[in-house]
């Protein structure tokens, strides 16, 4: 009897194993071209736009089938994190089959009608270049121009618009980045969305900076004292001048040129210097004032002296060297 039991059991086991290998299992997404009976069909196109940060199957698929409970479960399947605006998330059919199988119960079947690979992008709207250029113009005119200068925007160097997530309220913040050039600046444009979207764009801007500046009316030699008839104020483009220009006539009149200055050339910081009121070796009068008396003696300046500066002088009568304050081109005051 024992041997007979084994003999009849072998065909049964063989038939069971064969049936298991050949038939599709319950609770799996079909890879077949024909739809199984009572299955939920999941239709996914090759290109899909989404709006959420985490993409679920409900956003990219259309479902067909009467098993509403199973459909609701399938809709919650996570496809992946949404790509950045302007980027593409590629998802394979194989990946989706595996994720559907993991959440399916033995009595649930799904037929996945999907290409081998799909492309997912974020739904967006475009901020066109004209709008960006207009915002840059408005910002610079309000915030970059100075009282003594006028700004001319030559070119905003931007060739394409900006894609932002659809449906978000967008705000702009502009800031001028430091630059060694006065003719080309960089504007940082920070764009923020109401749902957390953030991006920064660096926009090169070519400008002319028109400024009222002191210019030479004639050629001025090095060390020449500049008079009122030698200079004038004129509006010129100072964008390509690296050093700050002089904008006040009183800052140059009566001073000496540090180097030759050509006609119609703008004067910049360092192009003039103060002229000593008293030169070294000049004959001066030393005035000694204090204690209710005032004495004057002849003297010689031992160094150049500027107005109100303390310099060393020599008393000719006593040949003593003392310090005094420059009052004018001929007088030095010594206090006792």
Foldseek 3Di string as FASTA:
>chain_A
DVVVVVVVVVVVVVVVVVVVVPDDFALFADPDPDDDPQAKEWAFEQEFADADQWDFSLRGTDIDGDPVVLVVQRRRQTQGGADPAPDKDKGAPVVSRVSSSVRTDRNHYYYYHYPRIHIYHYAWDWDFPVNVVVVVVVCCQVPVADPFKDKDWDDWPDDGTDIDHPPWDKDWDWDWDDDLFLQKTWIWIWIATPVGDIDIDIIITGMWIWGFFKFFQAKAAAFDQDAPVGIDTDIDGCRHPRAAFHRDPVVRHRWGAHHIHHGRGTHGPPRTDHDFQEAFQDKAWEWEDDDPDIDIAIWGFHHGHHAQDKGWIAGPVVRDIDIFTDHGSHYTYDYD
